[in-house]
Protein backbone atom coordinates (compact mmCIF):
# COMPACT_ATOMS: atom_id res chain seq x y z
CA UNK A 1 -0.08 0.14 0.33
CA UNK A 2 2.82 2.26 1.60
CA UNK A 3 4.58 1.62 -2.50
CA UNK A 4 1.36 2.28 -4.27
CA UNK A 5 0.79 5.85 -2.35
CA UNK A 6 4.28 6.57 -3.39
CA UNK A 7 3.89 6.29 -7.61
CA UNK A 8 0.64 7.92 -6.97
CA UNK A 9 2.03 11.34 -5.70
CA UNK A 10 5.49 10.32 -7.83
CA UNK A 11 3.92 9.98 -11.06
CA UNK A 12 2.16 13.85 -11.10
CA UNK A 13 5.22 15.62 -9.70
CA UNK A 14 7.13 14.14 -12.56
CA UNK A 15 4.75 14.73 -14.82
CA UNK A 16 4.78 19.10 -13.69
CA UNK A 17 8.45 18.48 -14.22
CA UNK A 18 8.25 17.43 -17.48
CA UNK A 19 5.96 19.86 -18.16
CA UNK A 20 7.60 22.80 -16.44
CA UNK A 21 11.32 21.48 -18.91
CA UNK A 22 9.01 21.49 -21.88
CA UNK A 23 7.90 25.09 -21.04
CA UNK A 24 11.28 26.21 -20.21
CA UNK A 25 12.93 25.27 -23.40
CA UNK A 26 10.10 26.04 -25.93
CA UNK A 27 10.35 29.28 -27.87
CA UNK A 28 6.61 30.01 -27.93
CA UNK A 29 6.75 33.41 -25.81
CA UNK A 30 3.44 33.53 -25.45
CA UNK A 31 3.18 30.19 -23.69
CA UNK A 32 5.66 31.17 -21.18
CA UNK A 33 3.78 34.42 -20.17
CA UNK A 34 0.91 32.14 -20.02
CA UNK A 35 2.41 29.67 -17.44
CA UNK A 36 4.37 32.58 -15.79
CA UNK A 37 1.15 33.79 -14.48
CA UNK A 38 -0.42 30.41 -13.87
CA UNK A 39 2.62 29.82 -11.97
CA UNK A 40 2.02 32.80 -10.09
CA UNK A 41 -1.46 32.26 -9.23
CA UNK A 42 -0.69 28.86 -7.73
CA UNK A 43 2.24 30.37 -5.32
CA UNK A 44 4.91 28.53 -7.47
CA UNK A 45 6.90 31.80 -7.14
CA UNK A 46 10.39 30.22 -8.63
CA UNK A 47 8.94 28.33 -11.63
CA UNK A 48 6.81 31.74 -12.09
CA UNK A 49 10.06 34.04 -11.68
CA UNK A 50 12.93 32.23 -13.81
CA UNK A 51 10.08 32.53 -16.69
CA UNK A 52 9.54 35.97 -16.35
CA UNK A 53 13.05 36.95 -16.28
CA UNK A 54 13.72 35.64 -19.56
CA UNK A 55 10.52 37.20 -20.49
CA UNK A 56 11.25 40.82 -19.71
CA UNK A 57 13.64 41.48 -22.31
CA UNK A 58 11.26 39.68 -24.80
CA UNK A 59 8.28 42.33 -23.72
CA UNK A 60 10.38 45.44 -22.87
CA UNK A 61 8.20 48.37 -23.89
CA UNK A 62 5.14 45.93 -24.81
CA UNK A 63 1.64 46.20 -23.01
CA UNK A 64 2.73 43.29 -21.16
CA UNK A 65 5.94 44.64 -19.75
CA UNK A 66 4.31 46.41 -16.60
CA UNK A 67 2.17 43.09 -15.47
CA UNK A 68 5.69 40.80 -16.54
CA UNK A 69 8.06 43.60 -14.29
CA UNK A 70 5.04 43.54 -11.18
CA UNK A 71 5.26 39.75 -11.03
CA UNK A 72 8.52 39.24 -11.26
CA UNK A 73 9.19 41.51 -8.00
CA UNK A 74 6.43 40.47 -6.36
CA UNK A 75 7.03 36.63 -7.09
CA UNK A 76 10.88 37.82 -5.61
CA UNK A 77 9.08 38.54 -2.78
CA UNK A 78 6.80 35.73 -2.35
CA UNK A 79 10.48 33.32 -2.21
CA UNK A 80 11.95 35.79 0.61
CA UNK A 81 14.21 37.40 -1.48
CA UNK A 82 13.92 40.82 0.10
CA UNK A 83 16.80 42.57 -1.44
CA UNK A 84 15.84 41.75 -4.72
CA UNK A 85 12.36 42.44 -4.78
CA UNK A 86 12.66 45.64 -3.24
CA UNK A 87 15.00 46.52 -5.91
CA UNK A 88 12.47 45.94 -8.39
CA UNK A 89 10.09 47.02 -6.92
CA UNK A 90 11.82 50.24 -6.91
CA UNK A 91 12.47 49.82 -10.66
CA UNK A 92 9.16 49.85 -11.34
CA UNK A 93 8.17 52.80 -9.78
CA UNK A 94 10.96 54.60 -11.76
CA UNK A 95 9.94 52.90 -15.15
CA UNK A 96 6.34 52.85 -14.93
CA UNK A 97 5.93 56.35 -13.29
CA UNK A 98 1.59 56.32 -14.26
CA UNK A 99 0.95 53.07 -12.93
CA UNK A 100 -1.97 52.10 -10.58
CA UNK A 101 -0.08 49.98 -9.25
CA UNK A 102 3.20 52.59 -8.23
CA UNK A 103 1.44 52.83 -4.66
CA UNK A 104 1.69 49.17 -3.68
CA UNK A 105 5.50 48.71 -5.10
CA UNK A 106 6.48 52.16 -2.70
CA UNK A 107 5.25 50.37 0.21
CA UNK A 108 6.62 47.06 -0.82
CA UNK A 109 10.12 48.85 -1.15
CA UNK A 110 10.03 50.03 2.14
CA UNK A 111 8.64 46.81 3.18
CA UNK A 112 11.55 44.95 2.11
CA UNK A 113 13.87 46.99 3.73
CA UNK A 114 11.46 46.62 6.55
CA UNK A 115 12.24 42.58 6.73
CA UNK A 116 16.23 43.21 6.29
CA UNK A 117 15.76 45.37 9.30
CA UNK A 118 18.43 43.00 11.98
CA UNK A 119 18.44 43.15 15.69
CA UNK A 120 19.22 46.04 17.48
CA UNK A 121 22.90 44.61 17.67
CA UNK A 122 23.87 44.79 14.33
CA UNK A 123 24.24 47.66 11.43
CA UNK A 124 21.29 49.72 10.90
CA UNK A 125 21.15 50.77 7.67
CA UNK A 126 18.37 49.04 6.50
CA UNK A 127 16.47 50.17 9.19
CA UNK A 128 17.10 53.80 7.83
CA UNK A 129 16.06 52.55 4.58
CA UNK A 130 12.88 51.31 5.51
CA UNK A 131 12.25 54.38 7.53
CA UNK A 132 12.78 56.80 4.90
CA UNK A 133 11.12 54.60 2.26
CA UNK A 134 7.98 54.37 4.45
CA UNK A 135 7.99 58.32 5.19
CA UNK A 136 8.21 58.73 1.46
CA UNK A 137 5.29 56.28 1.01
CA UNK A 138 3.18 58.45 3.43
CA UNK A 139 4.60 61.90 1.51
CA UNK A 140 3.73 60.16 -1.98
CA UNK A 141 0.33 58.78 -1.07
CA UNK A 142 -1.04 60.64 2.51
CA UNK A 143 -4.73 59.35 1.56
CA UNK A 144 -4.07 55.54 1.25
CA UNK A 145 -5.08 52.96 3.43
CA UNK A 146 -2.14 51.66 4.35
CA UNK A 147 -0.36 55.06 5.61
CA UNK A 148 -1.43 54.04 9.16
CA UNK A 149 0.38 51.08 8.81
CA UNK A 150 3.44 52.62 7.69
CA UNK A 151 3.28 54.77 10.67
CA UNK A 152 3.09 51.64 13.05
CA UNK A 153 6.04 50.35 11.38
CA UNK A 154 8.34 53.74 11.76
CA UNK A 155 7.46 53.75 15.07
CA UNK A 156 8.54 50.24 15.90
CA UNK A 157 11.44 50.82 13.75
CA UNK A 158 12.35 53.75 15.29
CA UNK A 159 11.80 52.36 18.65
CA UNK A 160 14.74 49.47 17.34
CA UNK A 161 17.01 52.72 16.70
CA UNK A 162 16.59 53.75 20.14
CA UNK A 163 17.18 50.55 21.89
CA UNK A 164 20.34 50.01 19.81
CA UNK A 165 21.20 53.07 20.70
CA UNK A 166 20.24 52.52 24.48
CA UNK A 167 22.53 49.04 24.30
CA UNK A 168 25.63 51.41 23.53
CA UNK A 169 25.24 53.79 26.41
CA UNK A 170 24.54 50.80 28.34
CA UNK A 171 27.78 49.78 27.44
CA UNK A 172 29.63 53.06 27.74
CA UNK A 173 28.02 52.53 31.15
CA UNK A 174 29.54 48.96 31.74
CA UNK A 175 32.69 50.15 30.93
CA UNK A 176 32.85 52.29 33.21
CA UNK A 177 36.47 53.99 33.75
CA UNK A 178 38.24 51.37 31.81
CA UNK A 179 40.60 53.15 29.64
CA UNK A 180 38.80 56.30 30.20
CA UNK A 181 35.20 57.99 31.64
CA UNK A 182 33.11 56.22 29.87
CA UNK A 183 30.01 57.33 32.14
CA UNK A 184 30.34 60.70 30.19
CA UNK A 185 30.54 58.80 27.19
CA UNK A 186 27.56 57.23 28.63
CA UNK A 187 25.36 59.94 29.66
CA UNK A 188 25.97 61.93 25.98
CA UNK A 189 24.63 58.93 23.99
CA UNK A 190 21.41 58.68 26.11
CA UNK A 191 21.27 62.35 26.17
CA UNK A 192 21.96 62.05 21.83
CA UNK A 193 19.04 59.10 21.75
CA UNK A 194 16.38 60.93 23.81
CA UNK A 195 17.21 64.25 21.60
CA UNK A 196 16.30 62.52 18.76
CA UNK A 197 13.30 59.97 19.58
CA UNK A 198 11.85 61.81 22.64
CA UNK A 199 8.61 59.76 22.86
CA UNK A 200 10.36 56.62 22.47
CA UNK A 201 9.17 53.50 24.47
CA UNK A 202 13.02 53.17 26.32
CA UNK A 203 12.82 57.23 27.78
CA UNK A 204 12.73 55.92 31.09
CA UNK A 205 15.28 53.17 30.90
CA UNK A 206 17.45 55.71 29.03
CA UNK A 207 16.57 58.80 32.12
CA UNK A 208 17.58 56.74 34.43
CA UNK A 209 20.73 55.89 32.65
CA UNK A 210 21.77 59.57 32.99
CA UNK A 211 20.82 59.65 36.45
CA UNK A 212 22.33 56.43 37.16
CA UNK A 213 25.90 57.80 35.40
CA UNK A 214 26.18 60.80 36.39
CA UNK A 215 26.13 59.85 40.00
CA UNK A 216 29.21 57.52 39.87
CA UNK A 217 30.59 60.08 37.52
CA UNK A 218 30.60 62.66 40.25
CA UNK A 219 31.52 60.28 42.96
CA UNK A 220 34.65 59.00 41.40
CA UNK A 221 35.78 62.87 40.39
CA UNK A 222 38.58 64.56 42.05
CA UNK A 223 37.62 66.76 44.83
CA UNK A 224 37.87 69.86 42.80
CA UNK A 225 34.49 68.59 40.37
CA UNK A 226 32.73 66.07 43.12
CA UNK A 227 30.11 69.02 44.48
CA UNK A 228 29.21 70.23 40.82
CA UNK A 229 28.96 67.41 39.62
CA UNK A 230 26.84 66.03 42.51
CA UNK A 231 24.67 68.91 42.03
CA UNK A 232 24.09 67.49 38.69
CA UNK A 233 23.11 64.41 39.73
CA UNK A 234 20.63 65.81 42.01
CA UNK A 235 19.12 67.91 39.65
CA UNK A 236 18.99 65.41 36.88
CA UNK A 237 17.24 63.11 40.11
CA UNK A 238 14.32 65.67 40.63
CA UNK A 239 13.88 65.89 36.09
CA UNK A 240 13.20 61.64 36.73
CA UNK A 241 10.91 61.79 39.47
CA UNK A 242 8.90 64.24 38.08
CA UNK A 243 8.31 62.66 34.62
CA UNK A 244 8.71 59.05 36.52
CA UNK A 245 6.98 59.12 39.62
CA UNK A 246 5.60 55.55 39.12
CA UNK A 247 8.79 54.69 38.07
CA UNK A 248 10.00 50.85 38.99
CA UNK A 249 14.01 52.30 39.49
CA UNK A 250 12.30 54.65 42.18
CA UNK A 251 14.28 52.67 44.70
CA UNK A 252 17.34 52.77 43.02
CA UNK A 253 16.78 56.77 42.51
CA UNK A 254 16.37 57.64 45.87
CA UNK A 255 19.27 55.77 46.86
CA UNK A 256 21.07 57.90 44.41
CA UNK A 257 19.49 60.74 45.90
CA UNK A 258 20.18 60.59 49.37
CA UNK A 259 24.29 59.14 48.54
CA UNK A 260 24.91 62.27 46.67
CA UNK A 261 22.76 64.77 49.13
CA UNK A 262 25.15 63.02 52.14
CA UNK A 263 28.28 63.61 50.04
CA UNK A 264 27.80 67.74 49.73
CA UNK A 265 25.21 68.00 53.06
CA UNK A 266 21.81 68.37 51.31
CA UNK A 267 19.03 67.74 52.53
CA UNK A 268 17.83 63.97 52.11
CA UNK A 269 14.76 62.21 51.36
CA UNK A 270 12.88 58.63 52.33
């Protein structure tokens, strides 16, 4: 019974392969075009893309060219080849500026960059590219039904950039005084993140890192600079608790404040 089932499944597969090979070797371009579209509808993106790649030059300048180029880009996306899919979506917009498919292709160009955007610790070039492409989409099609999605994805990508900058600031913090004053670098990195992305969901973490880094830097300062830096840490504490009165870092923040206050005979708190 098992052997019979194997044969039943293999025979259609072999026939399909044989049929595809005949189409591939054929010089009948109309047949290749119709089969490419058929394969695409069946989500057989590899076969469709192979045929369409040849047909791009054959039908260049004809009324089929637009459909071939669009379908080819979509096949590459279906194959998860986001680099080449994004390239061909962008090429489509340039080649067919009056096409009704341009809105979709502009969005998909950005979305391919989104799919290529790596984990926060890695290089974020594709993340920046995705943000720029989504912003271009929003500017070009402000009434599109996909504007809300584009904005949501941009927010997600920006949070990734902020998290990367937070990791960088945290790295400086963890390095401490190793080969220099890394606490100052941590403060600068975190402040730049808040300046560039003031509405980030990592605002609380970045703000507390600034407070903690300023205090430790003050604690390790020479006497001539210690009081000034302790007062700066205390100012940072008040800014932090005013913005995040219910913070999970509150106990640590109060501990820092009391230590800084004691250091310069300032009034402590509970």
